[in-house]
C-alpha atoms as a PDB file:
ATOM      1  CA  MET A   1    -129.111  54.770 -43.619  1.00  0.00           C
ATOM      2  CA  PRO A   2    -128.227  52.295 -40.832  1.00  0.00           C
ATOM      3  CA  PRO A   3    -129.634  48.778 -41.140  1.00  0.00           C
ATOM      4  CA  LYS A   4    -132.907  48.058 -39.391  1.00  0.00           C
ATOM      5  CA  PRO A   5    -132.628  46.252 -36.042  1.00  0.00           C
ATOM      6  CA  GLN A   6    -133.257  42.533 -36.366  1.00  0.00           C
ATOM      7  CA  PRO A   7    -134.835  40.001 -33.975  1.00  0.00           C
ATOM      8  CA  ILE A   8    -132.327  38.624 -31.482  1.00  0.00           C
ATOM      9  CA  PRO A   9    -132.536  34.904 -30.611  1.00  0.00           C
ATOM     10  CA  ILE A  10    -132.566  34.087 -26.907  1.00  0.00           C
ATOM     11  CA  THR A  11    -130.005  31.372 -26.266  1.00  0.00           C
ATOM     12  CA  ASP A  12    -129.837  31.375 -22.466  1.00  0.00           C
ATOM     13  CA  GLY A  13    -133.289  29.930 -21.830  1.00  0.00           C
ATOM     14  CA  CYS A  14    -136.200  31.719 -20.210  1.00  0.00           C
ATOM     15  CA  SER A  15    -135.275  31.842 -16.534  1.00  0.00           C
ATOM     16  CA  ASN A  16    -137.066  34.400 -14.366  1.00  0.00           C
ATOM     17  CA  ALA A  17    -140.021  34.318 -16.750  1.00  0.00           C
ATOM     18  CA  SER A  18    -142.180  36.722 -14.776  1.00  0.00           C
ATOM     19  CA  ARG A  19    -139.402  39.320 -14.585  1.00  0.00           C
ATOM     20  CA  LYS A  20    -138.627  38.887 -18.287  1.00  0.00           C
ATOM     21  CA  GLU A  21    -142.286  39.506 -19.170  1.00  0.00           C
ATOM     22  CA  ASP A  22    -142.442  42.550 -16.914  1.00  0.00           C
ATOM     23  CA  GLU A  23    -139.315  44.127 -18.415  1.00  0.00           C
ATOM     24  CA  PHE A  24    -139.674  43.104 -22.049  1.00  0.00           C
ATOM     25  CA  VAL A  25    -143.457  42.990 -22.475  1.00  0.00           C
ATOM     26  CA  HIS A  26    -145.404  45.004 -19.878  1.00  0.00           C
ATOM     27  CA  GLN A  27    -142.981  47.918 -19.508  1.00  0.00           C
ATOM     28  CA  VAL A  28    -142.247  48.063 -23.224  1.00  0.00           C
ATOM     29  CA  TYR A  29    -145.904  48.271 -24.223  1.00  0.00           C
ATOM     30  CA  ASN A  30    -146.437  51.050 -21.703  1.00  0.00           C
ATOM     31  CA  HIS A  31    -143.521  52.956 -23.278  1.00  0.00           C
ATOM     32  CA  ILE A  32    -144.576  52.450 -26.892  1.00  0.00           C
ATOM     33  CA  ALA A  33    -148.373  52.520 -26.443  1.00  0.00           C
ATOM     34  CA  PRO A  34    -149.180  55.725 -28.409  1.00  0.00           C
ATOM     35  CA  HIS A  35    -146.909  54.832 -31.343  1.00  0.00           C
ATOM     36  CA  PHE A  36    -148.023  51.184 -31.263  1.00  0.00           C
ATOM     37  CA  SER A  37    -151.689  52.217 -31.223  1.00  0.00           C
ATOM     38  CA  ASN A  38    -151.217  54.428 -34.269  1.00  0.00           C
ATOM     39  CA  THR A  39    -150.098  51.365 -36.245  1.00  0.00           C
ATOM     40  CA  ARG A  40    -153.020  49.185 -35.096  1.00  0.00           C
ATOM     41  CA  TYR A  41    -156.202  50.296 -36.809  1.00  0.00           C
ATOM     42  CA  LYS A  42    -157.201  47.688 -39.405  1.00  0.00           C
ATOM     43  CA  ALA A  43    -159.011  44.511 -38.328  1.00  0.00           C
ATOM     44  CA  TRP A  44    -157.611  41.222 -39.610  1.00  0.00           C
ATOM     45  CA  PRO A  45    -160.194  39.455 -41.835  1.00  0.00           C
ATOM     46  CA  VAL A  46    -160.177  36.147 -39.908  1.00  0.00           C
ATOM     47  CA  VAL A  47    -160.866  37.970 -36.634  1.00  0.00           C
ATOM     48  CA  GLU A  48    -163.494  40.195 -38.234  1.00  0.00           C
ATOM     49  CA  ASN A  49    -165.284  37.188 -39.753  1.00  0.00           C
ATOM     50  CA  PHE A  50    -165.177  35.351 -36.423  1.00  0.00           C
ATOM     51  CA  LEU A  51    -166.861  38.290 -34.694  1.00  0.00           C
ATOM     52  CA  HIS A  52    -169.522  38.584 -37.396  1.00  0.00           C
ATOM     53  CA  GLN A  53    -170.317  34.875 -36.929  1.00  0.00           C
ATOM     54  CA  GLN A  54    -171.273  35.338 -33.270  1.00  0.00           C
ATOM     55  CA  PRO A  55    -175.015  35.596 -32.515  1.00  0.00           C
ATOM     56  CA  SER A  56    -176.457  39.063 -32.015  1.00  0.00           C
ATOM     57  CA  GLY A  57    -176.388  40.162 -28.379  1.00  0.00           C
ATOM     58  CA  SER A  58    -173.470  37.890 -27.462  1.00  0.00           C
ATOM     59  CA  LEU A  59    -171.084  38.935 -24.700  1.00  0.00           C
ATOM     60  CA  GLY A  60    -167.413  38.515 -25.553  1.00  0.00           C
ATOM     61  CA  ALA A  61    -164.013  38.919 -23.908  1.00  0.00           C
ATOM     62  CA  ASP A  62    -161.132  40.528 -25.790  1.00  0.00           C
ATOM     63  CA  VAL A  63    -158.203  39.261 -23.719  1.00  0.00           C
ATOM     64  CA  GLY A  64    -155.163  41.398 -24.451  1.00  0.00           C
ATOM     65  CA  CYS A  65    -157.248  43.954 -26.313  1.00  0.00           C
ATOM     66  CA  GLY A  66    -154.404  46.405 -26.979  1.00  0.00           C
ATOM     67  CA  ASN A  67    -155.894  49.662 -28.235  1.00  0.00           C
ATOM     68  CA  GLY A  68    -159.349  48.104 -28.606  1.00  0.00           C
ATOM     69  CA  LYS A  69    -159.330  47.904 -32.390  1.00  0.00           C
ATOM     70  CA  TYR A  70    -161.597  44.832 -32.402  1.00  0.00           C
ATOM     71  CA  MET A  71    -164.069  46.016 -29.800  1.00  0.00           C
ATOM     72  CA  GLY A  72    -166.099  48.143 -32.203  1.00  0.00           C
ATOM     73  CA  VAL A  73    -165.997  45.818 -35.219  1.00  0.00           C
ATOM     74  CA  ASP A  74    -169.557  44.507 -34.752  1.00  0.00           C
ATOM     75  CA  SER A  75    -172.111  46.705 -32.990  1.00  0.00           C
ATOM     76  CA  ARG A  76    -174.397  43.687 -32.442  1.00  0.00           C
ATOM     77  CA  LEU A  77    -171.946  42.363 -29.853  1.00  0.00           C
ATOM     78  CA  ALA A  78    -170.917  43.510 -26.385  1.00  0.00           C
ATOM     79  CA  LEU A  79    -167.205  43.127 -25.661  1.00  0.00           C
ATOM     80  CA  LEU A  80    -165.260  43.616 -22.455  1.00  0.00           C
ATOM     81  CA  GLY A  81    -161.570  44.263 -22.962  1.00  0.00           C
ATOM     82  CA  SER A  82    -158.590  43.592 -20.743  1.00  0.00           C
ATOM     83  CA  ASP A  83    -154.892  44.265 -21.161  1.00  0.00           C
ATOM     84  CA  ARG A  84    -151.814  44.047 -18.952  1.00  0.00           C
ATOM     85  CA  SER A  85    -150.610  47.417 -20.268  1.00  0.00           C
ATOM     86  CA  SER A  86    -152.240  50.280 -18.396  1.00  0.00           C
ATOM     87  CA  GLU A  87    -151.296  52.689 -21.206  1.00  0.00           C
ATOM     88  CA  LEU A  88    -152.982  50.588 -23.884  1.00  0.00           C
ATOM     89  CA  ALA A  89    -156.001  50.087 -21.612  1.00  0.00           C
ATOM     90  CA  SER A  90    -156.174  53.866 -21.205  1.00  0.00           C
ATOM     91  CA  ILE A  91    -156.246  54.325 -24.979  1.00  0.00           C
ATOM     92  CA  THR A  92    -159.041  51.753 -25.250  1.00  0.00           C
ATOM     93  CA  TYR A  93    -161.012  53.541 -22.521  1.00  0.00           C
ATOM     94  CA  GLN A  94    -160.584  56.895 -24.273  1.00  0.00           C
ATOM     95  CA  ARG A  95    -162.139  55.311 -27.363  1.00  0.00           C
ATOM     96  CA  GLY A  96    -165.288  54.622 -25.360  1.00  0.00           C
ATOM     97  CA  PHE A  97    -164.916  50.902 -24.680  1.00  0.00           C
ATOM     98  CA  GLU A  98    -165.217  48.903 -21.452  1.00  0.00           C
ATOM     99  CA  VAL A  99    -161.744  47.797 -20.397  1.00  0.00           C
ATOM    100  CA  MET A 100    -159.718  46.811 -17.343  1.00  0.00           C
ATOM    101  CA  VAL A 101    -156.066  46.229 -16.555  1.00  0.00           C
ATOM    102  CA  ALA A 102    -155.665  42.502 -15.952  1.00  0.00           C
ATOM    103  CA  ASP A 103    -153.185  39.673 -16.386  1.00  0.00           C
ATOM    104  CA  ASN A 104    -154.244  36.930 -18.806  1.00  0.00           C
ATOM    105  CA  GLN A 105    -153.290  34.343 -16.171  1.00  0.00           C
ATOM    106  CA  SER A 106    -155.726  35.807 -13.622  1.00  0.00           C
ATOM    107  CA  LEU A 107    -158.771  37.328 -15.301  1.00  0.00           C
ATOM    108  CA  ALA A 108    -161.202  39.167 -13.039  1.00  0.00           C
ATOM    109  CA  TYR A 109    -164.279  37.410 -14.429  1.00  0.00           C
ATOM    110  CA  ARG A 110    -166.436  34.655 -13.027  1.00  0.00           C
ATOM    111  CA  SER A 111    -166.329  31.286 -14.751  1.00  0.00           C
ATOM    112  CA  GLN A 112    -168.544  30.697 -17.804  1.00  0.00           C
ATOM    113  CA  LEU A 113    -169.454  34.383 -18.137  1.00  0.00           C
ATOM    114  CA  PHE A 114    -168.792  34.941 -21.844  1.00  0.00           C
ATOM    115  CA  ASP A 115    -170.398  33.624 -25.006  1.00  0.00           C
ATOM    116  CA  PHE A 116    -167.071  33.893 -26.838  1.00  0.00           C
ATOM    117  CA  ALA A 117    -163.515  35.173 -26.429  1.00  0.00           C
ATOM    118  CA  ILE A 118    -160.658  36.355 -28.615  1.00  0.00           C
ATOM    119  CA  SER A 119    -156.926  36.359 -27.839  1.00  0.00           C
ATOM    120  CA  ILE A 120    -155.088  38.063 -30.675  1.00  0.00           C
ATOM    121  CA  ALA A 121    -151.277  38.061 -30.545  1.00  0.00           C
ATOM    122  CA  VAL A 122    -151.054  37.662 -26.765  1.00  0.00           C
ATOM    123  CA  ILE A 123    -150.094  34.149 -25.648  1.00  0.00           C
ATOM    124  CA  HIS A 124    -146.759  34.303 -27.496  1.00  0.00           C
ATOM    125  CA  HIS A 125    -145.622  36.926 -24.943  1.00  0.00           C
ATOM    126  CA  PHE A 126    -145.565  34.374 -22.086  1.00  0.00           C
ATOM    127  CA  ALA A 127    -142.034  33.148 -21.541  1.00  0.00           C
ATOM    128  CA  THR A 128    -142.579  29.487 -20.593  1.00  0.00           C
ATOM    129  CA  GLU A 129    -144.895  26.737 -21.753  1.00  0.00           C
ATOM    130  CA  GLU A 130    -146.379  26.506 -18.252  1.00  0.00           C
ATOM    131  CA  ARG A 131    -147.344  30.177 -18.359  1.00  0.00           C
ATOM    132  CA  ARG A 132    -148.758  29.849 -21.876  1.00  0.00           C
ATOM    133  CA  ILE A 133    -150.836  26.899 -20.684  1.00  0.00           C
ATOM    134  CA  ALA A 134    -152.091  28.899 -17.688  1.00  0.00           C
ATOM    135  CA  ALA A 135    -153.131  31.754 -19.989  1.00  0.00           C
ATOM    136  CA  LEU A 136    -154.991  29.373 -22.286  1.00  0.00           C
ATOM    137  CA  GLN A 137    -156.740  27.633 -19.381  1.00  0.00           C
ATOM    138  CA  GLU A 138    -157.873  30.976 -17.982  1.00  0.00           C
ATOM    139  CA  ILE A 139    -159.472  32.020 -21.272  1.00  0.00           C
ATOM    140  CA  VAL A 140    -161.326  28.706 -21.490  1.00  0.00           C
ATOM    141  CA  ARG A 141    -162.489  29.076 -17.879  1.00  0.00           C
ATOM    142  CA  VAL A 142    -164.411  32.305 -18.499  1.00  0.00           C
ATOM    143  CA  VAL A 143    -166.286  31.056 -21.605  1.00  0.00           C
ATOM    144  CA  LYS A 144    -169.640  29.268 -21.464  1.00  0.00           C
ATOM    145  CA  PRO A 145    -170.160  25.733 -22.790  1.00  0.00           C
ATOM    146  CA  GLN A 146    -170.716  25.853 -26.570  1.00  0.00           C
ATOM    147  CA  GLY A 147    -168.853  29.171 -26.645  1.00  0.00           C
ATOM    148  CA  LYS A 148    -166.188  29.905 -29.260  1.00  0.00           C
ATOM    149  CA  ILE A 149    -162.592  31.023 -28.670  1.00  0.00           C
ATOM    150  CA  LEU A 150    -160.260  32.450 -31.331  1.00  0.00           C
ATOM    151  CA  ILE A 151    -156.521  32.494 -30.596  1.00  0.00           C
ATOM    152  CA  PHE A 152    -153.742  34.000 -32.743  1.00  0.00           C
ATOM    153  CA  VAL A 153    -149.990  33.630 -32.102  1.00  0.00           C
ATOM    154  CA  TRP A 154    -146.934  34.600 -34.125  1.00  0.00           C
ATOM    155  CA  ALA A 155    -145.592  31.865 -36.396  1.00  0.00           C
ATOM    156  CA  LEU A 156    -141.944  30.856 -36.601  1.00  0.00           C
ATOM    157  CA  GLU A 157    -142.498  30.093 -40.291  1.00  0.00           C
ATOM    158  CA  GLN A 158    -143.246  33.691 -41.243  1.00  0.00           C
ATOM    159  CA  ARG A 159    -143.556  34.578 -44.913  1.00  0.00           C
ATOM    160  CA  GLY A 160    -143.447  38.363 -44.588  1.00  0.00           C
ATOM    161  CA  LYS A 161    -140.642  40.859 -44.094  1.00  0.00           C
ATOM    162  CA  ARG A 162    -139.554  39.559 -40.688  1.00  0.00           C
ATOM    163  CA  LYS A 163    -137.067  36.695 -40.847  1.00  0.00           C
ATOM    164  CA  PHE A 164    -136.262  34.499 -37.872  1.00  0.00           C
ATOM    165  CA  ASP A 165    -133.509  31.971 -37.236  1.00  0.00           C
ATOM    166  CA  GLN A 166    -135.409  28.688 -37.548  1.00  0.00           C
ATOM    167  CA  ALA A 167    -133.102  27.074 -34.980  1.00  0.00           C
ATOM    168  CA  HIS A 168    -134.674  29.176 -32.217  1.00  0.00           C
ATOM    169  CA  GLN A 169    -138.184  30.003 -31.032  1.00  0.00           C
ATOM    170  CA  ASP A 170    -137.608  32.654 -28.353  1.00  0.00           C
ATOM    171  CA  PHE A 171    -136.648  36.130 -29.546  1.00  0.00           C
ATOM    172  CA  MET A 172    -136.290  39.756 -28.579  1.00  0.00           C
ATOM    173  CA  VAL A 173    -138.120  41.565 -31.375  1.00  0.00           C
ATOM    174  CA  PRO A 174    -137.309  45.261 -31.904  1.00  0.00           C
ATOM    175  CA  TRP A 175    -139.928  47.986 -31.965  1.00  0.00           C
ATOM    176  CA  VAL A 176    -138.503  51.148 -33.499  1.00  0.00           C
ATOM    177  CA  ILE A 177    -139.892  54.603 -32.761  1.00  0.00           C
ATOM    178  CA  PRO A 178    -138.447  56.848 -35.483  1.00  0.00           C
ATOM    179  CA  ALA A 179    -136.581  60.048 -34.762  1.00  0.00           C
ATOM    180  CA  ASN A 180    -138.707  63.166 -34.348  1.00  0.00           C
ATOM    181  CA  THR A 181    -141.716  61.111 -33.295  1.00  0.00           C
ATOM    182  CA  THR A 182    -143.722  62.593 -30.453  1.00  0.00           C
ATOM    183  CA  ALA A 183    -142.936  60.910 -27.156  1.00  0.00           C
ATOM    184  CA  GLY A 184    -145.087  60.619 -24.075  1.00  0.00           C
ATOM    185  CA  GLY A 185    -148.023  58.671 -22.737  1.00  0.00           C
ATOM    186  CA  SER A 186    -151.529  58.286 -24.055  1.00  0.00           C
ATOM    187  CA  GLN A 187    -152.947  61.328 -22.271  1.00  0.00           C
ATOM    188  CA  PRO A 188    -153.835  64.283 -24.533  1.00  0.00           C
ATOM    189  CA  HIS A 189    -152.420  67.715 -23.746  1.00  0.00           C
ATOM    190  CA  SER A 190    -154.545  70.856 -23.390  1.00  0.00           C
ATOM    191  CA  ALA A 191    -153.981  74.565 -23.862  1.00  0.00           C
ATOM    192  CA  ASP A 192    -152.801  74.726 -20.240  1.00  0.00           C
ATOM    193  CA  THR A 193    -150.100  72.096 -20.641  1.00  0.00           C
ATOM    194  CA  ALA A 194    -147.011  71.887 -22.801  1.00  0.00           C
ATOM    195  CA  PRO A 195    -147.264  69.588 -25.826  1.00  0.00           C
ATOM    196  CA  PRO A 196    -145.260  66.349 -25.724  1.00  0.00           C
ATOM    197  CA  GLN A 197    -141.628  66.722 -26.737  1.00  0.00           C
ATOM    198  CA  GLU A 198    -140.261  65.163 -29.889  1.00  0.00           C
ATOM    199  CA  ASP A 199    -137.280  62.864 -29.542  1.00  0.00           C
ATOM    200  CA  GLU A 200    -134.512  63.688 -32.000  1.00  0.00           C
ATOM    201  CA  SER A 201    -133.019  60.197 -31.995  1.00  0.00           C
ATOM    202  CA  GLU A 202    -134.444  56.845 -32.996  1.00  0.00           C
ATOM    203  CA  ARG A 203    -135.497  54.687 -30.066  1.00  0.00           C
ATOM    204  CA  VAL A 204    -135.490  50.892 -30.100  1.00  0.00           C
ATOM    205  CA  PHE A 205    -137.402  48.755 -27.600  1.00  0.00           C
ATOM    206  CA  HIS A 206    -137.228  44.970 -27.485  1.00  0.00           C
ATOM    207  CA  ARG A 207    -140.283  42.789 -26.863  1.00  0.00           C
ATOM    208  CA  TYR A 208    -140.122  39.127 -25.845  1.00  0.00           C
ATOM    209  CA  TYR A 209    -141.821  36.625 -28.184  1.00  0.00           C
ATOM    210  CA  HIS A 210    -142.109  32.854 -28.257  1.00  0.00           C
ATOM    211  CA  LEU A 211    -142.702  31.973 -31.908  1.00  0.00           C
ATOM    212  CA  PHE A 212    -144.920  28.950 -32.483  1.00  0.00           C
ATOM    213  CA  LYS A 213    -144.049  26.165 -34.890  1.00  0.00           C
ATOM    214  CA  GLU A 214    -146.745  24.648 -37.086  1.00  0.00           C
ATOM    215  CA  GLY A 215    -148.917  22.382 -34.925  1.00  0.00           C
ATOM    216  CA  GLU A 216    -147.541  23.724 -31.638  1.00  0.00           C
ATOM    217  CA  LEU A 217    -150.670  25.700 -30.791  1.00  0.00           C
ATOM    218  CA  GLU A 218    -152.817  22.597 -31.206  1.00  0.00           C
ATOM    219  CA  SER A 219    -150.344  20.637 -29.072  1.00  0.00           C
ATOM    220  CA  LEU A 220    -150.532  23.325 -26.392  1.00  0.00           C
ATOM    221  CA  VAL A 221    -154.277  22.691 -26.120  1.00  0.00           C
ATOM    222  CA  GLU A 222    -153.615  18.970 -25.648  1.00  0.00           C
ATOM    223  CA  ARG A 223    -150.947  19.590 -22.995  1.00  0.00           C
ATOM    224  CA  SER A 224    -153.272  21.997 -21.174  1.00  0.00           C
ATOM    225  CA  ASN A 225    -155.542  19.127 -20.044  1.00  0.00           C
ATOM    226  CA  LEU A 226    -158.390  20.821 -21.901  1.00  0.00           C
ATOM    227  CA  SER A 227    -159.223  18.039 -24.362  1.00  0.00           C
ATOM    228  CA  HIS A 228    -162.174  17.005 -22.212  1.00  0.00           C
ATOM    229  CA  CYS A 229    -163.798  20.442 -22.412  1.00  0.00           C
ATOM    230  CA  VAL A 230    -162.751  22.002 -25.742  1.00  0.00           C
ATOM    231  CA  GLU A 231    -162.661  20.906 -29.354  1.00  0.00           C
ATOM    232  CA  ILE A 232    -160.443  22.417 -32.041  1.00  0.00           C
ATOM    233  CA  THR A 233    -162.948  23.283 -34.768  1.00  0.00           C
ATOM    234  CA  GLU A 234    -160.691  25.320 -37.051  1.00  0.00           C
ATOM    235  CA  HIS A 235    -156.996  26.050 -37.462  1.00  0.00           C
ATOM    236  CA  GLY A 236    -154.876  27.830 -40.009  1.00  0.00           C
ATOM    237  CA  TYR A 237    -152.210  30.357 -40.965  1.00  0.00           C
ATOM    238  CA  ASP A 238    -152.917  34.034 -41.561  1.00  0.00           C
ATOM    239  CA  ARG A 239    -150.718  37.140 -41.675  1.00  0.00           C
ATOM    240  CA  ASP A 240    -147.625  35.442 -40.228  1.00  0.00           C
ATOM    241  CA  ASN A 241    -149.706  33.905 -37.425  1.00  0.00           C
ATOM    242  CA  TRP A 242    -151.012  30.484 -36.542  1.00  0.00           C
ATOM    243  CA  TYR A 243    -154.591  30.500 -35.268  1.00  0.00           C
ATOM    244  CA  ILE A 244    -157.140  28.094 -33.855  1.00  0.00           C
ATOM    245  CA  VAL A 245    -160.841  28.237 -33.067  1.00  0.00           C
ATOM    246  CA  LEU A 246    -161.934  26.283 -30.002  1.00  0.00           C
ATOM    247  CA  THR A 247    -165.478  25.272 -29.117  1.00  0.00           C
ATOM    248  CA  LYS A 248    -166.067  24.672 -25.431  1.00  0.00           C
ATOM    249  CA  THR A 249    -168.021  21.455 -24.923  1.00  0.00           C
END
């Protein structure tokens, strides 16, 4: 059996950030959406607890909602989802949730609309600090004063199976679709259409990640000129991620 593909450090900087994100984030997630969705079904406890802590009837934003796995966690809440991947958004829509295709840096919501927001494993896909700051500022913009925001990002100091060169923070991380896995988009086939074809060879796609060092997420909030309007009320490490909870003041 050949060795599994490993994360590849990026050593040439992150020039052409927008193009890098389009090629190694947006396009990749559209390609892998069905297979990716099939692996994303269990809610992380910290996120689940955060949602259960929100008052009944609250309106929330799931920014970068993926396949919508968090949108049905608590039926007391109303969530609107958004994702840059049209294929993942389509899967979320097929599950019966409200979702739109939108870029985290330019959300199609008016300011102070939401009672809370979640951003789970999203901001680490932006290729420069300036773009990560813009994404963070946009999430804060759409949340009401006193609203809560939960943000998760991949940690450089991971304790699981993935191992990263600690001398680097920017990586191309492989996503492997095994041989003989059904290919195709998220649309179901009917009796009038041919079923999706199975690919006989393994396919590897690479996604761009910026891995956060301990304390870097908190520092990003400070460098975002948000200290006057948000307070970090919780932070921690969970499932190879750093996370923070912000309260908008």
